[in-house]
Amino acid sequence: MLITILEGRVSKENWQQLEKNYAIAILRHPPDGLIESYLIHNLDDIGMWKIISLWKDEETFLKYKSNGIIDTCVQLFCDAGSTPNRSSHHVQQKYTRV
């Protein structure tokens, strides 16, 4: 599994737009290899927003990246007046409460 974190600083007047556009984008076109995605708002740094996505594997992520599909989330931040940064992380271990 692969986790990607896209983060950007969004001004308060664009928060609702980011939330609305995220809901539309994720519900309309979720890529097949995307397992989970979260739009999160930092409580300690209120201007900071992140989209955390869990992908089936790195190959799936790279396939969508090469086709420009994942740029949708980058565009969400740009539309909200932000220039986001992305980091990628391999999942080494996992715990799930059942």
PDB file of N, CA and C in Angstrom:
ATOM      1  N   MET A   1       0.840  -1.181   0.000  1.00  0.00           N
ATOM      2  CA  MET A   1       0.000   0.000   0.000  1.00  0.00           C
ATOM      3  C   MET A   1       0.888   1.248   0.000  1.00  0.00           C
ATOM      4  N   LEU A   2       0.298   2.311  -0.479  1.00  0.00           N
ATOM      5  CA  LEU A   2       0.992   3.587  -0.554  1.00  0.00           C
ATOM      6  C   LEU A   2       0.064   4.669  -0.011  1.00  0.00           C
ATOM      7  N   ILE A   3       0.625   5.556   0.792  1.00  0.00           N
ATOM      8  CA  ILE A   3      -0.124   6.712   1.274  1.00  0.00           C
ATOM      9  C   ILE A   3       0.498   7.953   0.659  1.00  0.00           C
ATOM     10  N   THR A   4      -0.359   8.804   0.095  1.00  0.00           N
ATOM     11  CA  THR A   4       0.110  10.096  -0.394  1.00  0.00           C
ATOM     12  C   THR A   4      -0.545  11.184   0.444  1.00  0.00           C
ATOM     13  N   ILE A   5       0.233  12.216   0.707  1.00  0.00           N
ATOM     14  CA  ILE A   5      -0.268  13.355   1.477  1.00  0.00           C
ATOM     15  C   ILE A   5      -0.032  14.601   0.642  1.00  0.00           C
ATOM     16  N   LEU A   6      -1.119  15.244   0.300  1.00  0.00           N
ATOM     17  CA  LEU A   6      -1.075  16.490  -0.449  1.00  0.00           C
ATOM     18  C   LEU A   6      -1.479  17.580   0.527  1.00  0.00           C
ATOM     19  N   GLU A   7      -0.617  18.582   0.721  1.00  0.00           N
ATOM     20  CA  GLU A   7      -0.934  19.607   1.708  1.00  0.00           C
ATOM     21  C   GLU A   7      -0.722  20.997   1.140  1.00  0.00           C
ATOM     22  N   GLY A   8      -1.565  21.897   1.627  1.00  0.00           N
ATOM     23  CA  GLY A   8      -1.465  23.280   1.193  1.00  0.00           C
ATOM     24  C   GLY A   8      -2.124  24.209   2.190  1.00  0.00           C
ATOM     25  N   ARG A   9      -1.693  25.434   2.162  1.00  0.00           N
ATOM     26  CA  ARG A   9      -2.237  26.464   3.035  1.00  0.00           C
ATOM     27  C   ARG A   9      -3.388  27.149   2.294  1.00  0.00           C
ATOM     28  N   VAL A  10      -4.565  27.148   2.917  1.00  0.00           N
ATOM     29  CA  VAL A  10      -5.777  27.688   2.290  1.00  0.00           C
ATOM     30  C   VAL A  10      -6.338  28.787   3.180  1.00  0.00           C
ATOM     31  N   SER A  11      -6.632  29.936   2.584  1.00  0.00           N
ATOM     32  CA  SER A  11      -7.201  31.038   3.361  1.00  0.00           C
ATOM     33  C   SER A  11      -8.665  30.736   3.696  1.00  0.00           C
ATOM     34  N   LYS A  12      -9.100  31.282   4.810  1.00  0.00           N
ATOM     35  CA  LYS A  12     -10.419  30.967   5.369  1.00  0.00           C
ATOM     36  C   LYS A  12     -11.549  31.169   4.369  1.00  0.00           C
ATOM     37  N   GLU A  13     -11.473  32.194   3.533  1.00  0.00           N
ATOM     38  CA  GLU A  13     -12.557  32.451   2.582  1.00  0.00           C
ATOM     39  C   GLU A  13     -12.667  31.368   1.505  1.00  0.00           C
ATOM     40  N   ASN A  14     -11.664  30.461   1.401  1.00  0.00           N
ATOM     41  CA  ASN A  14     -11.699  29.393   0.394  1.00  0.00           C
ATOM     42  C   ASN A  14     -11.971  28.005   0.987  1.00  0.00           C
ATOM     43  N   TRP A  15     -12.170  27.917   2.295  1.00  0.00           N
ATOM     44  CA  TRP A  15     -12.385  26.621   2.938  1.00  0.00           C
ATOM     45  C   TRP A  15     -13.613  25.905   2.388  1.00  0.00           C
ATOM     46  N   GLN A  16     -14.731  26.592   2.310  1.00  0.00           N
ATOM     47  CA  GLN A  16     -15.963  25.957   1.830  1.00  0.00           C
ATOM     48  C   GLN A  16     -15.810  25.484   0.389  1.00  0.00           C
ATOM     49  N   GLN A  17     -15.139  26.272  -0.424  1.00  0.00           N
ATOM     50  CA  GLN A  17     -14.930  25.885  -1.816  1.00  0.00           C
ATOM     51  C   GLN A  17     -14.103  24.605  -1.894  1.00  0.00           C
ATOM     52  N   LEU A  18     -13.041  24.517  -1.099  1.00  0.00           N
ATOM     53  CA  LEU A  18     -12.199  23.325  -1.080  1.00  0.00           C
ATOM     54  C   LEU A  18     -13.016  22.109  -0.658  1.00  0.00           C
ATOM     55  N   GLU A  19     -13.793  22.233   0.408  1.00  0.00           N
ATOM     56  CA  GLU A  19     -14.615  21.121   0.890  1.00  0.00           C
ATOM     57  C   GLU A  19     -15.636  20.680  -0.163  1.00  0.00           C
ATOM     58  N   LYS A  20     -16.296  21.632  -0.768  1.00  0.00           N
ATOM     59  CA  LYS A  20     -17.312  21.330  -1.784  1.00  0.00           C
ATOM     60  C   LYS A  20     -16.679  20.660  -3.004  1.00  0.00           C
ATOM     61  N   ASN A  21     -15.588  21.220  -3.493  1.00  0.00           N
ATOM     62  CA  ASN A  21     -14.936  20.664  -4.675  1.00  0.00           C
ATOM     63  C   ASN A  21     -14.342  19.283  -4.421  1.00  0.00           C
ATOM     64  N   TYR A  22     -13.841  19.050  -3.209  1.00  0.00           N
ATOM     65  CA  TYR A  22     -13.319  17.726  -2.849  1.00  0.00           C
ATOM     66  C   TYR A  22     -14.440  16.694  -2.903  1.00  0.00           C
ATOM     67  N   ALA A  23     -15.572  17.017  -2.290  1.00  0.00           N
ATOM     68  CA  ALA A  23     -16.707  16.081  -2.274  1.00  0.00           C
ATOM     69  C   ALA A  23     -17.154  15.740  -3.692  1.00  0.00           C
ATOM     70  N   ILE A  24     -17.224  16.739  -4.541  1.00  0.00           N
ATOM     71  CA  ILE A  24     -17.640  16.509  -5.929  1.00  0.00           C
ATOM     72  C   ILE A  24     -16.617  15.651  -6.662  1.00  0.00           C
ATOM     73  N   ALA A  25     -15.339  15.982  -6.537  1.00  0.00           N
ATOM     74  CA  ALA A  25     -14.282  15.275  -7.267  1.00  0.00           C
ATOM     75  C   ALA A  25     -14.158  13.821  -6.839  1.00  0.00           C
ATOM     76  N   ILE A  26     -14.181  13.575  -5.545  1.00  0.00           N
ATOM     77  CA  ILE A  26     -13.992  12.208  -5.053  1.00  0.00           C
ATOM     78  C   ILE A  26     -15.204  11.342  -5.371  1.00  0.00           C
ATOM     79  N   LEU A  27     -16.393  11.893  -5.241  1.00  0.00           N
ATOM     80  CA  LEU A  27     -17.589  11.103  -5.528  1.00  0.00           C
ATOM     81  C   LEU A  27     -17.775  10.863  -7.020  1.00  0.00           C
ATOM     82  N   ARG A  28     -17.362  11.797  -7.823  1.00  0.00           N
ATOM     83  CA  ARG A  28     -17.572  11.706  -9.273  1.00  0.00           C
ATOM     84  C   ARG A  28     -16.584  10.775  -9.957  1.00  0.00           C
ATOM     85  N   HIS A  29     -15.312  10.861  -9.596  1.00  0.00           N
ATOM     86  CA  HIS A  29     -14.272  10.126 -10.324  1.00  0.00           C
ATOM     87  C   HIS A  29     -13.263   9.446  -9.402  1.00  0.00           C
ATOM     88  N   PRO A  30     -13.676   8.592  -8.486  1.00  0.00           N
ATOM     89  CA  PRO A  30     -12.652   7.940  -7.650  1.00  0.00           C
ATOM     90  C   PRO A  30     -11.890   6.896  -8.471  1.00  0.00           C
ATOM     91  N   PRO A  31     -10.573   6.978  -8.528  1.00  0.00           N
ATOM     92  CA  PRO A  31      -9.797   5.974  -9.256  1.00  0.00           C
ATOM     93  C   PRO A  31      -9.964   4.591  -8.624  1.00  0.00           C
ATOM     94  N   ASP A  32      -9.918   3.548  -9.433  1.00  0.00           N
ATOM     95  CA  ASP A  32     -10.129   2.183  -8.942  1.00  0.00           C
ATOM     96  C   ASP A  32      -9.148   1.766  -7.849  1.00  0.00           C
ATOM     97  N   GLY A  33      -7.914   2.206  -7.940  1.00  0.00           N
ATOM     98  CA  GLY A  33      -6.909   1.806  -6.960  1.00  0.00           C
ATOM     99  C   GLY A  33      -6.885   2.635  -5.697  1.00  0.00           C
ATOM    100  N   LEU A  34      -7.787   3.612  -5.598  1.00  0.00           N
ATOM    101  CA  LEU A  34      -7.860   4.448  -4.405  1.00  0.00           C
ATOM    102  C   LEU A  34      -8.726   3.745  -3.369  1.00  0.00           C
ATOM    103  N   ILE A  35      -8.133   3.399  -2.233  1.00  0.00           N
ATOM    104  CA  ILE A  35      -8.853   2.670  -1.183  1.00  0.00           C
ATOM    105  C   ILE A  35      -9.606   3.630  -0.273  1.00  0.00           C
ATOM    106  N   GLU A  36      -8.910   4.686   0.176  1.00  0.00           N
ATOM    107  CA  GLU A  36      -9.515   5.678   1.057  1.00  0.00           C
ATOM    108  C   GLU A  36      -8.900   7.040   0.768  1.00  0.00           C
ATOM    109  N   SER A  37      -9.653   8.076   1.040  1.00  0.00           N
ATOM    110  CA  SER A  37      -9.140   9.433   0.911  1.00  0.00           C
ATOM    111  C   SER A  37      -9.818  10.306   1.961  1.00  0.00           C
ATOM    112  N   TYR A  38      -9.041  11.191   2.547  1.00  0.00           N
ATOM    113  CA  TYR A  38      -9.545  12.085   3.584  1.00  0.00           C
ATOM    114  C   TYR A  38      -9.123  13.513   3.283  1.00  0.00           C
ATOM    115  N   LEU A  39     -10.036  14.434   3.425  1.00  0.00           N
ATOM    116  CA  LEU A  39      -9.703  15.857   3.428  1.00  0.00           C
ATOM    117  C   LEU A  39      -9.656  16.253   4.895  1.00  0.00           C
ATOM    118  N   ILE A  40      -8.493  16.688   5.352  1.00  0.00           N
ATOM    119  CA  ILE A  40      -8.365  17.013   6.770  1.00  0.00           C
ATOM    120  C   ILE A  40      -7.929  18.465   6.944  1.00  0.00           C
ATOM    121  N   HIS A  41      -8.347  19.026   8.065  1.00  0.00           N
ATOM    122  CA  HIS A  41      -8.064  20.416   8.415  1.00  0.00           C
ATOM    123  C   HIS A  41      -7.287  20.397   9.723  1.00  0.00           C
ATOM    124  N   ASN A  42      -6.116  20.973   9.724  1.00  0.00           N
ATOM    125  CA  ASN A  42      -5.234  20.969  10.880  1.00  0.00           C
ATOM    126  C   ASN A  42      -5.802  21.855  11.997  1.00  0.00           C
ATOM    127  N   LEU A  43      -5.945  21.300  13.177  1.00  0.00           N
ATOM    128  CA  LEU A  43      -6.473  22.051  14.320  1.00  0.00           C
ATOM    129  C   LEU A  43      -5.441  22.989  14.938  1.00  0.00           C
ATOM    130  N   ASP A  44      -4.160  22.644  14.802  1.00  0.00           N
ATOM    131  CA  ASP A  44      -3.103  23.444  15.410  1.00  0.00           C
ATOM    132  C   ASP A  44      -2.593  24.549  14.490  1.00  0.00           C
ATOM    133  N   ASP A  45      -2.816  24.392  13.198  1.00  0.00           N
ATOM    134  CA  ASP A  45      -2.390  25.367  12.196  1.00  0.00           C
ATOM    135  C   ASP A  45      -3.565  25.511  11.231  1.00  0.00           C
ATOM    136  N   ILE A  46      -4.534  26.354  11.576  1.00  0.00           N
ATOM    137  CA  ILE A  46      -5.840  26.339  10.910  1.00  0.00           C
ATOM    138  C   ILE A  46      -5.812  26.673   9.425  1.00  0.00           C
ATOM    139  N   GLY A  47      -4.722  27.206   8.916  1.00  0.00           N
ATOM    140  CA  GLY A  47      -4.639  27.469   7.489  1.00  0.00           C
ATOM    141  C   GLY A  47      -4.210  26.256   6.680  1.00  0.00           C
ATOM    142  N   MET A  48      -3.747  25.205   7.379  1.00  0.00           N
ATOM    143  CA  MET A  48      -3.200  24.033   6.703  1.00  0.00           C
ATOM    144  C   MET A  48      -4.272  22.979   6.472  1.00  0.00           C
ATOM    145  N   TRP A  49      -4.377  22.532   5.227  1.00  0.00           N
ATOM    146  CA  TRP A  49      -5.294  21.467   4.832  1.00  0.00           C
ATOM    147  C   TRP A  49      -4.499  20.364   4.153  1.00  0.00           C
ATOM    148  N   LYS A  50      -4.992  19.120   4.251  1.00  0.00           N
ATOM    149  CA  LYS A  50      -4.317  17.983   3.614  1.00  0.00           C
ATOM    150  C   LYS A  50      -5.356  17.044   2.999  1.00  0.00           C
ATOM    151  N   ILE A  51      -4.942  16.410   1.932  1.00  0.00           N
ATOM    152  CA  ILE A  51      -5.701  15.277   1.388  1.00  0.00           C
ATOM    153  C   ILE A  51      -4.790  14.077   1.553  1.00  0.00           C
ATOM    154  N   ILE A  52      -5.234  13.140   2.380  1.00  0.00           N
ATOM    155  CA  ILE A  52      -4.477  11.917   2.635  1.00  0.00           C
ATOM    156  C   ILE A  52      -5.184  10.793   1.888  1.00  0.00           C
ATOM    157  N   SER A  53      -4.432  10.110   1.030  1.00  0.00           N
ATOM    158  CA  SER A  53      -5.016   9.065   0.200  1.00  0.00           C
ATOM    159  C   SER A  53      -4.271   7.752   0.386  1.00  0.00           C
ATOM    160  N   LEU A  54      -5.028   6.678   0.516  1.00  0.00           N
ATOM    161  CA  LEU A  54      -4.476   5.334   0.638  1.00  0.00           C
ATOM    162  C   LEU A  54      -4.713   4.615  -0.678  1.00  0.00           C
ATOM    163  N   TRP A  55      -3.618   4.203  -1.312  1.00  0.00           N
ATOM    164  CA  TRP A  55      -3.662   3.547  -2.614  1.00  0.00           C
ATOM    165  C   TRP A  55      -3.366   2.062  -2.467  1.00  0.00           C
ATOM    166  N   LYS A  56      -3.929   1.265  -3.364  1.00  0.00           N
ATOM    167  CA  LYS A  56      -3.725  -0.183  -3.376  1.00  0.00           C
ATOM    168  C   LYS A  56      -2.232  -0.521  -3.408  1.00  0.00           C
ATOM    169  N   ASP A  57      -1.495   0.146  -4.279  1.00  0.00           N
ATOM    170  CA  ASP A  57      -0.051  -0.057  -4.385  1.00  0.00           C
ATOM    171  C   ASP A  57       0.571   1.102  -5.152  1.00  0.00           C
ATOM    172  N   GLU A  58       1.879   1.137  -5.158  1.00  0.00           N
ATOM    173  CA  GLU A  58       2.588   2.234  -5.816  1.00  0.00           C
ATOM    174  C   GLU A  58       2.363   2.217  -7.332  1.00  0.00           C
ATOM    175  N   GLU A  59       2.310   1.029  -7.921  1.00  0.00           N
ATOM    176  CA  GLU A  59       2.112   0.921  -9.366  1.00  0.00           C
ATOM    177  C   GLU A  59       0.792   1.558  -9.794  1.00  0.00           C
ATOM    178  N   THR A  60      -0.259   1.327  -9.019  1.00  0.00           N
ATOM    179  CA  THR A  60      -1.565   1.924  -9.329  1.00  0.00           C
ATOM    180  C   THR A  60      -1.492   3.438  -9.249  1.00  0.00           C
ATOM    181  N   PHE A  61      -0.871   3.942  -8.192  1.00  0.00           N
ATOM    182  CA  PHE A  61      -0.706   5.390  -8.034  1.00  0.00           C
ATOM    183  C   PHE A  61       0.060   5.973  -9.220  1.00  0.00           C
ATOM    184  N   LEU A  62       1.167   5.336  -9.597  1.00  0.00           N
ATOM    185  CA  LEU A  62       1.985   5.845 -10.700  1.00  0.00           C
ATOM    186  C   LEU A  62       1.237   5.802 -12.029  1.00  0.00           C
ATOM    187  N   LYS A  63       0.395   4.785 -12.201  1.00  0.00           N
ATOM    188  CA  LYS A  63      -0.418   4.699 -13.422  1.00  0.00           C
ATOM    189  C   LYS A  63      -1.345   5.913 -13.518  1.00  0.00           C
ATOM    190  N   TYR A  64      -2.044   6.211 -12.452  1.00  0.00           N
ATOM    191  CA  TYR A  64      -2.949   7.356 -12.451  1.00  0.00           C
ATOM    192  C   TYR A  64      -2.185   8.671 -12.535  1.00  0.00           C
ATOM    193  N   LYS A  65      -1.021   8.717 -11.912  1.00  0.00           N
ATOM    194  CA  LYS A  65      -0.204   9.932 -11.965  1.00  0.00           C
ATOM    195  C   LYS A  65       0.241  10.207 -13.402  1.00  0.00           C
ATOM    196  N   SER A  66       0.687   9.163 -14.111  1.00  0.00           N
ATOM    197  CA  SER A  66       1.152   9.356 -15.493  1.00  0.00           C
ATOM    198  C   SER A  66       0.016   9.754 -16.430  1.00  0.00           C
ATOM    199  N   ASN A  67      -1.220   9.375 -16.086  1.00  0.00           N
ATOM    200  CA  ASN A  67      -2.384   9.746 -16.894  1.00  0.00           C
ATOM    201  C   ASN A  67      -2.990  11.084 -16.469  1.00  0.00           C
ATOM    202  N   GLY A  68      -2.413  11.719 -15.444  1.00  0.00           N
ATOM    203  CA  GLY A  68      -2.901  13.019 -14.992  1.00  0.00           C
ATOM    204  C   GLY A  68      -4.136  12.959 -14.114  1.00  0.00           C
ATOM    205  N   ILE A  69      -4.588  11.747 -13.745  1.00  0.00           N
ATOM    206  CA  ILE A  69      -5.817  11.596 -12.957  1.00  0.00           C
ATOM    207  C   ILE A  69      -5.646  12.174 -11.552  1.00  0.00           C
ATOM    208  N   ILE A  70      -4.515  11.955 -10.909  1.00  0.00           N
ATOM    209  CA  ILE A  70      -4.344  12.427  -9.537  1.00  0.00           C
ATOM    210  C   ILE A  70      -4.164  13.928  -9.462  1.00  0.00           C
ATOM    211  N   ASP A  71      -3.942  14.567 -10.606  1.00  0.00           N
ATOM    212  CA  ASP A  71      -3.809  16.020 -10.604  1.00  0.00           C
ATOM    213  C   ASP A  71      -5.118  16.717 -10.243  1.00  0.00           C
ATOM    214  N   THR A  72      -6.210  15.968 -10.204  1.00  0.00           N
ATOM    215  CA  THR A  72      -7.494  16.524  -9.773  1.00  0.00           C
ATOM    216  C   THR A  72      -7.374  17.111  -8.382  1.00  0.00           C
ATOM    217  N   CYS A  73      -6.727  16.400  -7.468  1.00  0.00           N
ATOM    218  CA  CYS A  73      -6.585  16.895  -6.099  1.00  0.00           C
ATOM    219  C   CYS A  73      -5.648  18.098  -6.037  1.00  0.00           C
ATOM    220  N   VAL A  74      -4.627  18.110  -6.863  1.00  0.00           N
ATOM    221  CA  VAL A  74      -3.753  19.280  -6.932  1.00  0.00           C
ATOM    222  C   VAL A  74      -4.581  20.482  -7.383  1.00  0.00           C
ATOM    223  N   GLN A  75      -5.440  20.267  -8.377  1.00  0.00           N
ATOM    224  CA  GLN A  75      -6.275  21.344  -8.895  1.00  0.00           C
ATOM    225  C   GLN A  75      -7.236  21.878  -7.835  1.00  0.00           C
ATOM    226  N   LEU A  76      -7.713  20.994  -6.940  1.00  0.00           N
ATOM    227  CA  LEU A  76      -8.600  21.437  -5.859  1.00  0.00           C
ATOM    228  C   LEU A  76      -7.916  22.496  -5.001  1.00  0.00           C
ATOM    229  N   PHE A  77      -6.652  22.254  -4.676  1.00  0.00           N
ATOM    230  CA  PHE A  77      -5.904  23.231  -3.880  1.00  0.00           C
ATOM    231  C   PHE A  77      -5.662  24.507  -4.679  1.00  0.00           C
ATOM    232  N   CYS A  78      -5.299  24.341  -5.946  1.00  0.00           N
ATOM    233  CA  CYS A  78      -5.048  25.524  -6.788  1.00  0.00           C
ATOM    234  C   CYS A  78      -6.306  26.384  -6.891  1.00  0.00           C
ATOM    235  N   ASP A  79      -7.461  25.740  -7.065  1.00  0.00           N
ATOM    236  CA  ASP A  79      -8.723  26.472  -7.143  1.00  0.00           C
ATOM    237  C   ASP A  79      -9.045  27.201  -5.843  1.00  0.00           C
ATOM    238  N   ALA A  80      -8.476  26.694  -4.744  1.00  0.00           N
ATOM    239  CA  ALA A  80      -8.684  27.336  -3.441  1.00  0.00           C
ATOM    240  C   ALA A  80      -7.563  28.325  -3.122  1.00  0.00           C
ATOM    241  N   GLY A  81      -6.749  28.655  -4.120  1.00  0.00           N
ATOM    242  CA  GLY A  81      -5.716  29.668  -3.938  1.00  0.00           C
ATOM    243  C   GLY A  81      -4.435  29.174  -3.287  1.00  0.00           C
ATOM    244  N   SER A  82      -4.165  27.865  -3.381  1.00  0.00           N
ATOM    245  CA  SER A  82      -3.000  27.296  -2.725  1.00  0.00           C
ATOM    246  C   SER A  82      -2.131  26.548  -3.733  1.00  0.00           C
ATOM    247  N   THR A  83      -0.848  26.464  -3.448  1.00  0.00           N
ATOM    248  CA  THR A  83       0.064  25.623  -4.216  1.00  0.00           C
ATOM    249  C   THR A  83       0.474  24.471  -3.300  1.00  0.00           C
ATOM    250  N   PRO A  84      -0.057  23.263  -3.541  1.00  0.00           N
ATOM    251  CA  PRO A  84       0.172  22.163  -2.613  1.00  0.00           C
ATOM    252  C   PRO A  84       1.506  21.445  -2.846  1.00  0.00           C
ATOM    253  N   ASN A  85       1.912  20.717  -1.820  1.00  0.00           N
ATOM    254  CA  ASN A  85       3.085  19.837  -1.875  1.00  0.00           C
ATOM    255  C   ASN A  85       2.623  18.414  -1.625  1.00  0.00           C
ATOM    256  N   ARG A  86       3.248  17.451  -2.316  1.00  0.00           N
ATOM    257  CA  ARG A  86       2.869  16.044  -2.130  1.00  0.00           C
ATOM    258  C   ARG A  86       4.057  15.263  -1.586  1.00  0.00           C
ATOM    259  N   SER A  87       3.758  14.356  -0.651  1.00  0.00           N
ATOM    260  CA  SER A  87       4.741  13.385  -0.197  1.00  0.00           C
ATOM    261  C   SER A  87       4.107  12.004  -0.306  1.00  0.00           C
ATOM    262  N   SER A  88       4.941  10.994  -0.520  1.00  0.00           N
ATOM    263  CA  SER A  88       4.462   9.619  -0.682  1.00  0.00           C
ATOM    264  C   SER A  88       5.158   8.731   0.337  1.00  0.00           C
ATOM    265  N   HIS A  89       4.422   7.746   0.849  1.00  0.00           N
ATOM    266  CA  HIS A  89       4.925   6.900   1.924  1.00  0.00           C
ATOM    267  C   HIS A  89       4.490   5.459   1.694  1.00  0.00           C
ATOM    268  N   HIS A  90       5.446   4.513   1.763  1.00  0.00           N
ATOM    269  CA  HIS A  90       5.085   3.100   1.711  1.00  0.00           C
ATOM    270  C   HIS A  90       4.552   2.688   3.087  1.00  0.00           C
ATOM    271  N   VAL A  91       3.493   1.905   3.086  1.00  0.00           N
ATOM    272  CA  VAL A  91       2.946   1.377   4.338  1.00  0.00           C
ATOM    273  C   VAL A  91       3.754   0.128   4.681  1.00  0.00           C
ATOM    274  N   GLN A  92       4.460   0.167   5.782  1.00  0.00           N
ATOM    275  CA  GLN A  92       5.294  -0.957   6.209  1.00  0.00           C
ATOM    276  C   GLN A  92       4.494  -1.935   7.068  1.00  0.00           C
ATOM    277  N   GLN A  93       3.635  -1.408   7.917  1.00  0.00           N
ATOM    278  CA  GLN A  93       2.807  -2.241   8.769  1.00  0.00           C
ATOM    279  C   GLN A  93       1.460  -1.544   8.932  1.00  0.00           C
ATOM    280  N   LYS A  94       0.472  -2.326   9.316  1.00  0.00           N
ATOM    281  CA  LYS A  94      -0.881  -1.772   9.434  1.00  0.00           C
ATOM    282  C   LYS A  94      -1.592  -2.432  10.603  1.00  0.00           C
ATOM    283  N   TYR A  95      -2.416  -1.663  11.271  1.00  0.00           N
ATOM    284  CA  TYR A  95      -3.303  -2.173  12.315  1.00  0.00           C
ATOM    285  C   TYR A  95      -4.700  -1.681  12.020  1.00  0.00           C
ATOM    286  N   THR A  96      -5.662  -2.572  12.075  1.00  0.00           N
ATOM    287  CA  THR A  96      -7.068  -2.208  11.910  1.00  0.00           C
ATOM    288  C   THR A  96      -7.862  -2.853  13.031  1.00  0.00           C
ATOM    289  N   ARG A  97      -8.612  -2.059  13.758  1.00  0.00           N
ATOM    290  CA  ARG A  97      -9.474  -2.596  14.810  1.00  0.00           C
ATOM    291  C   ARG A  97     -10.725  -3.160  14.152  1.00  0.00           C
ATOM    292  N   VAL A  98     -11.076  -4.361  14.514  1.00  0.00           N
ATOM    293  CA  VAL A  98     -12.296  -4.975  13.962  1.00  0.00           C
ATOM    294  C   VAL A  98     -13.279  -5.289  15.063  1.00  0.00           C
TER     295      VAL A  98
END
